[in-house]
């Protein structure tokens, strides 16, 4: 049974922003997890660090099946002028604030799934790395950079698939 969602106040401290986890149905694999700044890709081809600036979740054909509020983060870590790219949609891999820079330190997982044509080493254990793996690496970086608290990280560990 999954733990109850994080309980955070409907409104945060002055100049703080709410960070949420977007969960997309991954049937028949693990669900896809993302912040508003996403890890894009798959285990066959690898992932890439990607920020969708001025992303409108309501107009997207790909809606998350669940949105989980994680915590309020002090506005110091964000640049609300640069992040939305002056109201223009843009896919970017450059960072413009402390939150994005901390996220960028967590390398997106490389390809971990072998194709039939790839040579494999018998007995070598394959550890798949995916978007959930990346979320854990990034939240540990957030803890190190004092962006997330331990409660948020514990919650994410408890809901992993």
N, C-alpha and C. Protein backbone atom coordinates (compact mmCIF):
# COMPACT_ATOMS: atom_id res chain seq x y z
N UNK A 1 0.85 -1.18 0.00
CA UNK A 1 0.00 0.00 0.00
C UNK A 1 0.89 1.24 0.00
N UNK A 2 0.58 2.18 -0.88
CA UNK A 2 1.37 3.41 -0.99
C UNK A 2 1.13 4.31 0.21
N UNK A 3 2.16 5.04 0.64
CA UNK A 3 1.97 5.98 1.75
C UNK A 3 1.07 7.13 1.34
N UNK A 4 0.50 7.78 2.33
CA UNK A 4 -0.33 8.95 2.05
C UNK A 4 0.50 10.03 1.37
N UNK A 5 -0.13 10.85 0.53
CA UNK A 5 0.62 11.94 -0.11
C UNK A 5 1.22 12.88 0.92
N UNK A 6 2.24 13.61 0.48
CA UNK A 6 2.86 14.60 1.35
C UNK A 6 1.81 15.63 1.76
N UNK A 7 1.82 16.02 3.00
CA UNK A 7 0.92 17.06 3.47
C UNK A 7 1.69 18.36 3.53
N UNK A 8 1.38 19.24 2.60
CA UNK A 8 2.02 20.55 2.62
C UNK A 8 0.92 21.60 2.61
N UNK A 9 1.23 22.75 3.13
CA UNK A 9 0.25 23.83 3.22
C UNK A 9 -0.20 24.26 1.83
N UNK A 10 -1.47 24.66 1.69
CA UNK A 10 -1.95 25.11 0.38
C UNK A 10 -1.19 26.34 -0.13
N UNK A 11 -0.71 27.14 0.80
CA UNK A 11 0.12 28.29 0.43
C UNK A 11 1.41 28.22 1.20
N UNK A 12 2.50 28.55 0.51
CA UNK A 12 3.81 28.47 1.14
C UNK A 12 4.29 29.81 1.66
N UNK A 13 5.48 29.82 2.20
CA UNK A 13 6.06 31.07 2.67
C UNK A 13 6.20 32.08 1.53
N UNK A 14 6.26 33.33 1.88
CA UNK A 14 6.40 34.40 0.91
C UNK A 14 7.58 34.13 -0.02
N UNK A 15 7.36 34.29 -1.31
CA UNK A 15 8.37 34.12 -2.36
C UNK A 15 8.87 32.68 -2.52
N UNK A 16 8.10 31.71 -2.05
CA UNK A 16 8.48 30.31 -2.27
C UNK A 16 7.65 29.73 -3.40
N UNK A 17 8.11 28.64 -3.97
CA UNK A 17 7.39 27.96 -5.05
C UNK A 17 7.16 26.51 -4.67
N UNK A 18 6.01 25.96 -5.07
CA UNK A 18 5.70 24.57 -4.77
C UNK A 18 6.32 23.67 -5.84
N UNK A 19 7.05 22.66 -5.41
CA UNK A 19 7.61 21.67 -6.32
C UNK A 19 6.72 20.44 -6.24
N UNK A 20 6.30 19.95 -7.41
CA UNK A 20 5.42 18.80 -7.46
C UNK A 20 6.07 17.68 -8.27
N UNK A 21 5.66 16.47 -7.97
CA UNK A 21 6.07 15.31 -8.73
C UNK A 21 4.92 14.97 -9.68
N UNK A 22 5.20 14.91 -10.97
CA UNK A 22 4.21 14.50 -11.95
C UNK A 22 4.42 13.02 -12.21
N UNK A 23 3.35 12.25 -12.13
CA UNK A 23 3.43 10.81 -12.36
C UNK A 23 2.57 10.48 -13.56
N UNK A 24 3.18 9.87 -14.57
CA UNK A 24 2.50 9.47 -15.80
C UNK A 24 2.40 7.95 -15.82
N UNK A 25 1.25 7.43 -16.21
CA UNK A 25 1.04 5.99 -16.26
C UNK A 25 2.05 5.36 -17.21
N UNK A 26 2.83 4.43 -16.70
CA UNK A 26 3.85 3.78 -17.49
C UNK A 26 3.51 2.36 -17.88
N UNK A 27 2.24 1.99 -17.74
CA UNK A 27 1.84 0.62 -17.99
C UNK A 27 2.48 0.13 -19.27
N UNK A 28 3.03 -0.91 -19.24
CA UNK A 28 3.28 -2.04 -18.39
C UNK A 28 4.67 -1.98 -17.76
N UNK A 29 5.30 -0.84 -17.84
CA UNK A 29 6.58 -0.61 -17.17
C UNK A 29 6.32 0.26 -15.95
N UNK A 30 7.38 0.76 -15.33
CA UNK A 30 7.22 1.69 -14.21
C UNK A 30 6.58 2.98 -14.71
N UNK A 31 5.89 3.66 -13.81
CA UNK A 31 5.35 4.98 -14.14
C UNK A 31 6.50 5.94 -14.42
N UNK A 32 6.23 6.93 -15.27
CA UNK A 32 7.22 7.98 -15.55
C UNK A 32 7.06 9.06 -14.50
N UNK A 33 8.17 9.48 -13.89
CA UNK A 33 8.16 10.54 -12.89
C UNK A 33 8.87 11.75 -13.45
N UNK A 34 8.36 12.94 -13.13
CA UNK A 34 9.02 14.16 -13.57
C UNK A 34 8.70 15.30 -12.61
N UNK A 35 9.64 16.23 -12.51
CA UNK A 35 9.34 17.53 -11.92
C UNK A 35 8.81 18.35 -13.08
N UNK A 36 8.58 19.62 -12.84
CA UNK A 36 8.25 20.48 -13.97
C UNK A 36 9.45 20.56 -14.92
N UNK A 37 10.64 20.30 -14.39
CA UNK A 37 11.84 20.17 -15.21
C UNK A 37 12.01 18.67 -15.38
N UNK A 38 11.94 18.16 -16.60
CA UNK A 38 11.85 16.73 -16.83
C UNK A 38 13.15 16.04 -17.19
N UNK A 39 13.16 14.75 -16.91
CA UNK A 39 14.17 13.86 -17.49
C UNK A 39 13.45 13.17 -18.64
N UNK A 40 13.93 13.36 -19.84
CA UNK A 40 13.23 12.84 -21.00
C UNK A 40 14.02 11.72 -21.62
N UNK A 41 13.33 10.66 -21.99
CA UNK A 41 13.99 9.56 -22.66
C UNK A 41 13.42 8.23 -22.23
N UNK A 42 14.19 7.16 -22.48
CA UNK A 42 13.78 5.82 -22.09
C UNK A 42 15.02 4.97 -21.84
N UNK A 43 14.83 3.77 -21.27
CA UNK A 43 15.96 2.94 -20.90
C UNK A 43 16.70 2.38 -22.11
N UNK A 44 16.05 2.32 -23.26
CA UNK A 44 16.70 1.80 -24.46
C UNK A 44 17.67 2.83 -25.07
N UNK A 45 17.28 4.08 -25.07
CA UNK A 45 18.07 5.13 -25.72
C UNK A 45 18.79 6.05 -24.76
N UNK A 46 18.45 5.96 -23.49
CA UNK A 46 19.02 6.87 -22.51
C UNK A 46 18.14 8.08 -22.32
N UNK A 47 18.47 8.86 -21.33
CA UNK A 47 17.69 10.05 -21.00
C UNK A 47 18.54 11.28 -21.26
N UNK A 48 17.90 12.41 -21.30
CA UNK A 48 18.63 13.66 -21.45
C UNK A 48 18.01 14.69 -20.50
N UNK A 49 18.85 15.58 -20.03
CA UNK A 49 18.37 16.67 -19.18
C UNK A 49 17.64 17.66 -20.07
N UNK A 50 16.40 17.95 -19.72
CA UNK A 50 15.60 18.82 -20.58
C UNK A 50 14.66 19.65 -19.71
N UNK A 51 14.61 20.92 -19.99
CA UNK A 51 13.70 21.84 -19.29
C UNK A 51 12.71 22.35 -20.33
N UNK A 52 11.43 22.19 -20.05
CA UNK A 52 10.41 22.73 -20.94
C UNK A 52 9.97 24.06 -20.35
N UNK A 53 10.42 25.12 -20.97
CA UNK A 53 10.09 26.46 -20.50
C UNK A 53 8.72 26.88 -21.02
N UNK A 54 7.96 27.50 -20.15
CA UNK A 54 6.61 27.95 -20.43
C UNK A 54 5.74 26.78 -20.87
N UNK A 55 5.90 25.65 -20.19
CA UNK A 55 5.14 24.43 -20.47
C UNK A 55 3.75 24.57 -19.88
N UNK A 56 2.72 24.34 -20.67
CA UNK A 56 1.35 24.45 -20.21
C UNK A 56 0.78 23.05 -20.06
N UNK A 57 0.72 22.58 -18.85
CA UNK A 57 0.26 21.22 -18.57
C UNK A 57 -1.20 21.03 -19.01
N UNK A 58 -2.01 22.06 -18.91
CA UNK A 58 -3.42 21.95 -19.30
C UNK A 58 -3.60 21.73 -20.80
N UNK A 59 -2.71 22.30 -21.61
CA UNK A 59 -2.83 22.17 -23.06
C UNK A 59 -2.07 20.98 -23.62
N UNK A 60 -1.37 20.26 -22.78
CA UNK A 60 -0.56 19.13 -23.23
C UNK A 60 -1.45 17.92 -23.50
N UNK A 61 -1.18 17.18 -24.59
CA UNK A 61 -1.94 15.95 -24.82
C UNK A 61 -1.52 14.83 -23.85
N UNK A 62 -0.38 15.00 -23.19
CA UNK A 62 0.15 14.01 -22.28
C UNK A 62 -0.06 14.50 -20.84
N UNK A 63 -1.16 14.08 -20.23
CA UNK A 63 -1.48 14.53 -18.88
C UNK A 63 -0.99 13.53 -17.84
N UNK A 64 -0.44 14.03 -16.73
CA UNK A 64 -0.04 13.10 -15.67
C UNK A 64 -1.27 12.43 -15.07
N UNK A 65 -1.11 11.19 -14.63
CA UNK A 65 -2.21 10.50 -13.97
C UNK A 65 -2.32 10.93 -12.51
N UNK A 66 -1.23 11.51 -12.01
CA UNK A 66 -1.22 11.95 -10.62
C UNK A 66 -0.23 13.09 -10.47
N UNK A 67 -0.60 14.08 -9.67
CA UNK A 67 0.29 15.17 -9.32
C UNK A 67 0.43 15.17 -7.80
N UNK A 68 1.69 15.05 -7.34
CA UNK A 68 1.94 14.95 -5.91
C UNK A 68 2.73 16.18 -5.45
N UNK A 69 2.12 17.03 -4.62
CA UNK A 69 2.88 18.15 -4.08
C UNK A 69 3.99 17.61 -3.17
N UNK A 70 5.22 18.10 -3.37
CA UNK A 70 6.34 17.61 -2.58
C UNK A 70 6.71 18.55 -1.45
N UNK A 71 6.98 19.81 -1.77
CA UNK A 71 7.28 20.78 -0.72
C UNK A 71 7.39 22.17 -1.32
N UNK A 72 7.31 23.16 -0.44
CA UNK A 72 7.55 24.54 -0.83
C UNK A 72 9.05 24.79 -0.77
N UNK A 73 9.57 25.44 -1.80
CA UNK A 73 11.01 25.72 -1.87
C UNK A 73 11.18 27.23 -1.92
N UNK A 74 12.10 27.74 -1.13
CA UNK A 74 12.37 29.17 -1.05
C UNK A 74 12.62 29.75 -2.44
N UNK A 75 12.04 30.91 -2.70
CA UNK A 75 12.18 31.58 -3.99
C UNK A 75 13.62 31.90 -4.38
N UNK A 76 14.52 31.92 -3.41
CA UNK A 76 15.94 32.16 -3.69
C UNK A 76 16.47 31.20 -4.75
N UNK A 77 15.94 29.97 -4.77
CA UNK A 77 16.46 28.94 -5.68
C UNK A 77 15.92 29.05 -7.10
N UNK A 78 15.01 29.97 -7.35
CA UNK A 78 14.37 30.10 -8.66
C UNK A 78 14.60 31.48 -9.26
N UNK A 79 14.50 31.57 -10.56
CA UNK A 79 14.52 32.84 -11.27
C UNK A 79 13.23 32.90 -12.07
N UNK A 80 12.21 33.49 -11.45
CA UNK A 80 10.88 33.49 -12.06
C UNK A 80 10.79 34.35 -13.31
N UNK A 81 11.79 35.17 -13.58
CA UNK A 81 11.79 35.96 -14.81
C UNK A 81 12.36 35.15 -15.97
N UNK A 82 13.46 34.44 -15.73
CA UNK A 82 14.11 33.68 -16.80
C UNK A 82 13.49 32.31 -17.05
N UNK A 83 12.99 31.67 -16.01
CA UNK A 83 12.49 30.31 -16.16
C UNK A 83 11.37 30.19 -17.20
N UNK A 84 10.39 31.09 -17.24
CA UNK A 84 9.32 30.94 -18.24
C UNK A 84 9.68 31.45 -19.64
N UNK A 85 10.92 31.88 -19.85
CA UNK A 85 11.39 32.25 -21.19
C UNK A 85 10.51 33.31 -21.85
N UNK A 86 10.15 34.35 -21.10
CA UNK A 86 9.33 35.46 -21.62
C UNK A 86 8.03 34.98 -22.27
N UNK A 87 7.45 33.91 -21.73
CA UNK A 87 6.17 33.42 -22.24
C UNK A 87 6.27 32.64 -23.54
N UNK A 88 7.46 32.26 -23.94
CA UNK A 88 7.66 31.49 -25.17
C UNK A 88 8.05 30.06 -24.81
N UNK A 89 7.35 29.09 -25.40
CA UNK A 89 7.69 27.69 -25.16
C UNK A 89 9.06 27.39 -25.76
N UNK A 90 9.87 26.67 -25.00
CA UNK A 90 11.21 26.32 -25.47
C UNK A 90 11.69 25.08 -24.72
N UNK A 91 12.30 24.16 -25.44
CA UNK A 91 12.96 23.03 -24.81
C UNK A 91 14.42 23.42 -24.69
N UNK A 92 14.94 23.33 -23.47
CA UNK A 92 16.24 23.88 -23.17
C UNK A 92 17.02 22.89 -22.29
N UNK A 93 18.33 22.94 -22.36
CA UNK A 93 19.14 22.16 -21.42
C UNK A 93 20.14 23.05 -20.69
N UNK A 94 19.91 24.36 -20.75
CA UNK A 94 20.73 25.32 -20.01
C UNK A 94 20.01 25.69 -18.72
N UNK A 95 20.77 25.93 -17.67
CA UNK A 95 20.16 26.27 -16.39
C UNK A 95 20.18 27.78 -16.17
N UNK A 96 19.13 28.30 -15.52
CA UNK A 96 19.04 29.75 -15.28
C UNK A 96 18.86 30.09 -13.80
N UNK A 97 18.85 29.06 -12.93
CA UNK A 97 18.65 29.34 -11.50
C UNK A 97 19.30 28.23 -10.67
N UNK A 98 19.30 28.42 -9.36
CA UNK A 98 19.93 27.46 -8.45
C UNK A 98 19.23 26.10 -8.48
N UNK A 99 17.89 26.10 -8.57
CA UNK A 99 17.14 24.84 -8.62
C UNK A 99 17.54 24.03 -9.85
N UNK A 100 17.56 24.67 -11.00
CA UNK A 100 17.93 23.98 -12.23
C UNK A 100 19.39 23.54 -12.20
N UNK A 101 20.27 24.36 -11.66
CA UNK A 101 21.69 24.00 -11.58
C UNK A 101 21.88 22.79 -10.67
N UNK A 102 21.14 22.73 -9.57
CA UNK A 102 21.22 21.58 -8.68
C UNK A 102 20.70 20.34 -9.39
N UNK A 103 19.60 20.49 -10.12
CA UNK A 103 19.04 19.37 -10.87
C UNK A 103 20.02 18.87 -11.92
N UNK A 104 20.69 19.79 -12.58
CA UNK A 104 21.63 19.45 -13.65
C UNK A 104 22.82 18.64 -13.13
N UNK A 105 23.18 18.83 -11.85
CA UNK A 105 24.29 18.07 -11.27
C UNK A 105 23.99 16.57 -11.25
N UNK A 106 22.72 16.22 -11.23
CA UNK A 106 22.31 14.81 -11.23
C UNK A 106 22.26 14.35 -12.69
N UNK A 107 23.28 13.65 -13.12
CA UNK A 107 23.34 13.22 -14.52
C UNK A 107 22.16 12.34 -14.89
N UNK A 108 21.56 12.64 -16.03
CA UNK A 108 20.46 11.82 -16.52
C UNK A 108 21.01 10.43 -16.86
N UNK A 109 20.26 9.38 -16.58
CA UNK A 109 20.75 8.02 -16.85
C UNK A 109 21.03 7.79 -18.34
N UNK A 110 22.13 7.11 -18.58
CA UNK A 110 22.46 6.72 -19.95
C UNK A 110 21.67 5.46 -20.28
N UNK A 111 21.82 4.99 -21.49
CA UNK A 111 21.15 3.78 -21.95
C UNK A 111 21.53 2.60 -21.06
N UNK A 112 20.51 1.87 -20.57
CA UNK A 112 20.79 0.72 -19.72
C UNK A 112 20.11 -0.55 -20.21
N UNK A 113 19.32 -0.46 -21.25
CA UNK A 113 18.63 -1.64 -21.78
C UNK A 113 19.33 -2.06 -23.06
N UNK A 114 19.68 -3.32 -23.17
CA UNK A 114 20.39 -3.81 -24.34
C UNK A 114 19.42 -4.24 -25.43
N UNK A 115 19.77 -3.96 -26.66
CA UNK A 115 19.01 -4.46 -27.80
C UNK A 115 19.46 -5.89 -28.07
N UNK A 116 18.69 -6.65 -28.82
CA UNK A 116 19.04 -8.02 -29.15
C UNK A 116 20.39 -8.07 -29.85
N UNK A 117 20.68 -7.06 -30.67
CA UNK A 117 21.92 -7.04 -31.44
C UNK A 117 23.16 -6.69 -30.60
N UNK A 118 22.98 -6.21 -29.37
CA UNK A 118 24.12 -5.87 -28.51
C UNK A 118 24.75 -7.13 -27.92
N UNK A 119 26.07 -7.13 -27.85
CA UNK A 119 26.77 -8.22 -27.18
C UNK A 119 26.58 -8.04 -25.68
N UNK A 120 26.31 -9.13 -24.99
CA UNK A 120 26.14 -9.06 -23.55
C UNK A 120 27.16 -9.96 -22.88
N UNK A 121 27.52 -9.61 -21.68
CA UNK A 121 28.46 -10.41 -20.90
C UNK A 121 27.66 -11.36 -20.03
N UNK A 122 27.80 -12.68 -20.24
CA UNK A 122 27.06 -13.63 -19.40
C UNK A 122 27.37 -13.42 -17.93
N UNK A 123 26.34 -13.47 -17.11
CA UNK A 123 26.51 -13.32 -15.67
C UNK A 123 26.60 -11.90 -15.18
N UNK A 124 26.71 -10.94 -16.11
CA UNK A 124 26.80 -9.54 -15.70
C UNK A 124 25.39 -9.04 -15.39
N UNK A 125 25.22 -8.53 -14.18
CA UNK A 125 23.91 -8.04 -13.76
C UNK A 125 23.61 -6.70 -14.44
N UNK A 126 22.42 -6.59 -14.99
CA UNK A 126 21.99 -5.36 -15.63
C UNK A 126 21.13 -4.58 -14.65
N UNK A 127 21.53 -3.37 -14.34
CA UNK A 127 20.76 -2.50 -13.47
C UNK A 127 20.16 -1.41 -14.32
N UNK A 128 18.83 -1.48 -14.50
CA UNK A 128 18.17 -0.45 -15.30
C UNK A 128 18.13 0.86 -14.55
N UNK A 129 18.43 1.92 -15.25
CA UNK A 129 18.32 3.26 -14.70
C UNK A 129 17.29 3.99 -15.53
N UNK A 130 16.36 4.64 -14.85
CA UNK A 130 15.26 5.29 -15.54
C UNK A 130 14.96 6.64 -14.90
N UNK A 131 13.81 7.21 -15.23
CA UNK A 131 13.47 8.52 -14.69
C UNK A 131 13.33 8.51 -13.17
N UNK A 132 12.85 7.39 -12.60
CA UNK A 132 12.76 7.31 -11.14
C UNK A 132 14.15 7.28 -10.52
N UNK A 133 15.09 6.59 -11.17
CA UNK A 133 16.48 6.59 -10.71
C UNK A 133 17.01 8.01 -10.68
N UNK A 134 16.73 8.75 -11.74
CA UNK A 134 17.21 10.13 -11.86
C UNK A 134 16.58 11.02 -10.78
N UNK A 135 15.30 10.82 -10.50
CA UNK A 135 14.64 11.61 -9.45
C UNK A 135 15.37 11.39 -8.12
N UNK A 136 15.73 10.15 -7.79
CA UNK A 136 16.43 9.88 -6.54
C UNK A 136 17.80 10.52 -6.50
N UNK A 137 18.52 10.49 -7.60
CA UNK A 137 19.83 11.15 -7.64
C UNK A 137 19.64 12.65 -7.45
N UNK A 138 18.64 13.22 -8.11
CA UNK A 138 18.43 14.67 -8.01
C UNK A 138 17.95 15.09 -6.62
N UNK A 139 17.08 14.30 -5.98
CA UNK A 139 16.62 14.71 -4.64
C UNK A 139 17.76 14.61 -3.63
N UNK A 140 18.66 13.66 -3.81
CA UNK A 140 19.83 13.61 -2.93
C UNK A 140 20.69 14.85 -3.13
N UNK A 141 20.79 15.32 -4.38
CA UNK A 141 21.51 16.56 -4.65
C UNK A 141 20.77 17.74 -4.02
N UNK A 142 19.44 17.73 -4.09
CA UNK A 142 18.66 18.79 -3.46
C UNK A 142 18.89 18.82 -1.95
N UNK A 143 19.01 17.65 -1.34
CA UNK A 143 19.29 17.60 0.10
C UNK A 143 20.67 18.20 0.37
N UNK A 144 21.65 17.81 -0.43
CA UNK A 144 23.01 18.33 -0.26
C UNK A 144 23.05 19.85 -0.45
N UNK A 145 22.23 20.36 -1.39
CA UNK A 145 22.21 21.80 -1.67
C UNK A 145 21.17 22.54 -0.82
N UNK A 146 20.59 21.86 0.17
CA UNK A 146 19.61 22.44 1.11
C UNK A 146 18.34 22.94 0.43
N UNK A 147 17.94 22.29 -0.65
CA UNK A 147 16.71 22.67 -1.36
C UNK A 147 15.54 21.83 -0.85
N UNK A 148 15.71 20.52 -0.73
CA UNK A 148 14.67 19.62 -0.24
C UNK A 148 15.03 19.18 1.17
N UNK A 149 13.99 18.80 1.91
CA UNK A 149 14.22 18.28 3.26
C UNK A 149 14.17 16.75 3.24
N UNK A 150 14.61 16.16 4.31
CA UNK A 150 14.70 14.70 4.40
C UNK A 150 13.33 14.04 4.31
N UNK A 151 12.28 14.69 4.79
CA UNK A 151 10.93 14.13 4.74
C UNK A 151 10.50 13.90 3.29
N UNK A 152 10.80 14.84 2.41
CA UNK A 152 10.44 14.71 1.00
C UNK A 152 11.18 13.53 0.37
N UNK A 153 12.45 13.40 0.67
CA UNK A 153 13.25 12.32 0.11
C UNK A 153 12.75 10.97 0.62
N UNK A 154 12.43 10.88 1.89
CA UNK A 154 11.91 9.64 2.46
C UNK A 154 10.59 9.27 1.79
N UNK A 155 9.73 10.23 1.57
CA UNK A 155 8.46 9.98 0.90
C UNK A 155 8.70 9.40 -0.50
N UNK A 156 9.58 10.02 -1.26
CA UNK A 156 9.86 9.53 -2.62
C UNK A 156 10.42 8.11 -2.60
N UNK A 157 11.27 7.81 -1.66
CA UNK A 157 11.81 6.44 -1.54
C UNK A 157 10.69 5.45 -1.24
N UNK A 158 9.71 5.88 -0.46
CA UNK A 158 8.62 4.98 -0.09
C UNK A 158 7.61 4.72 -1.21
N UNK A 159 7.54 5.60 -2.20
CA UNK A 159 6.58 5.39 -3.28
C UNK A 159 7.22 4.83 -4.55
N UNK A 160 8.51 4.58 -4.53
CA UNK A 160 9.17 4.07 -5.72
C UNK A 160 8.59 2.71 -6.13
N UNK A 161 8.68 2.44 -7.41
CA UNK A 161 8.17 1.16 -7.93
C UNK A 161 9.31 0.19 -8.08
